[in-house]
Amino acid sequence: MSKVRFGIVGIGNQGTYYANVLKENKIENGVLSALCDNNSSKLENAKNKFAEVENITYFNNYIEMLESGLCDAILVET
């Protein structure tokens, strides 16, 4: 089975929780591929927190993330 690439819109408490779940491989065949938040400080914090996770792309605009083709599924946590 191929991997499901997840993107998360909103990196507050809930979004960060789900990002950690994906980071820790708790979802079978799920990988974290993109994070999005329009709050620049939350986005910078996420970049530091998830720096060791390979192949994450960061966005400050959810439409750009949706159009990027990097995600198979999106979690909206706003």
Protein backbone atom coordinates (compact mmCIF):
# COMPACT_ATOMS: atom_id res chain seq x y z
CA MET A 1 0.00 0.00 0.00
CA SER A 2 1.32 3.45 -0.87
CA LYS A 3 1.76 6.22 1.65
CA VAL A 4 -0.98 8.78 2.25
CA ARG A 5 0.52 12.27 2.28
CA PHE A 6 -1.19 14.47 4.88
CA GLY A 7 -1.27 18.25 4.99
CA ILE A 8 -2.47 20.22 7.99
CA VAL A 9 -4.04 23.67 7.84
CA GLY A 10 -3.75 25.40 11.22
CA ILE A 11 -0.83 24.70 13.54
CA GLY A 12 -2.41 25.49 16.89
CA ASN A 13 -2.98 22.91 19.61
CA GLN A 14 -5.02 20.46 17.53
CA GLY A 15 -2.95 20.82 14.35
CA THR A 16 0.27 20.33 16.27
CA TYR A 17 -1.19 17.25 17.96
CA TYR A 18 -2.01 15.63 14.61
CA ALA A 19 1.37 16.64 13.19
CA ASN A 20 3.03 14.85 16.11
CA VAL A 21 0.86 11.77 15.55
CA LEU A 22 2.04 11.65 11.93
CA LYS A 23 5.63 12.43 12.91
CA GLU A 24 5.62 9.46 15.29
CA ASN A 25 4.23 7.13 12.58
CA LYS A 26 1.07 6.39 14.56
CA ILE A 27 -1.05 6.34 11.40
CA GLU A 28 -0.24 3.34 9.27
CA ASN A 29 1.01 4.44 5.84
CA GLY A 30 0.54 8.11 6.77
CA VAL A 31 3.24 10.73 6.29
CA LEU A 32 3.30 14.41 7.08
CA SER A 33 3.98 16.28 3.85
CA ALA A 34 2.79 19.86 4.41
CA LEU A 35 1.93 22.32 7.16
CA CYS A 36 0.09 25.60 6.69
CA ASP A 37 -0.69 28.55 8.92
CA ASN A 38 -1.16 32.23 8.12
CA ASN A 39 0.39 33.18 11.48
CA SER A 40 4.11 33.57 10.74
CA SER A 41 5.23 32.90 14.33
CA LYS A 42 3.31 29.60 14.45
CA LEU A 43 4.80 28.64 11.11
CA GLU A 44 8.34 29.38 12.33
CA ASN A 45 7.73 27.39 15.52
CA ALA A 46 6.51 24.46 13.42
CA LYS A 47 9.62 24.66 11.21
CA ASN A 48 11.78 24.32 14.32
CA LYS A 49 9.65 21.61 15.94
CA PHE A 50 9.45 19.42 12.82
CA ALA A 51 12.91 20.16 11.39
CA GLU A 52 13.98 16.51 11.66
CA VAL A 53 11.00 15.29 9.61
CA GLU A 54 12.03 14.95 5.98
CA ASN A 55 10.11 16.37 3.05
CA ILE A 56 7.70 18.73 4.83
CA THR A 57 6.76 21.81 2.85
CA TYR A 58 5.50 24.86 4.74
CA PHE A 59 2.85 27.25 3.46
CA ASN A 60 1.29 30.47 4.71
CA ASN A 61 -1.59 30.16 2.21
CA TYR A 62 -3.86 27.13 2.22
CA ILE A 63 -4.83 27.54 -1.44
CA GLU A 64 -1.17 27.25 -2.47
CA MET A 65 -0.91 24.09 -0.35
CA LEU A 66 -4.03 22.59 -1.96
CA GLU A 67 -2.79 23.40 -5.46
CA SER A 68 0.73 22.09 -4.81
CA GLY A 69 -0.22 18.45 -5.32
CA LEU A 70 1.84 17.48 -2.25
CA CYS A 71 -1.11 16.17 -0.22
CA ASP A 72 -3.54 13.30 -0.61
CA ALA A 73 -5.54 14.30 2.47
CA ILE A 74 -5.93 17.59 4.35
CA LEU A 75 -6.73 18.08 8.02
CA VAL A 76 -8.31 21.49 8.66
CA GLU A 77 -7.65 22.49 12.26
CA THR A 78 -8.72 26.13 12.35
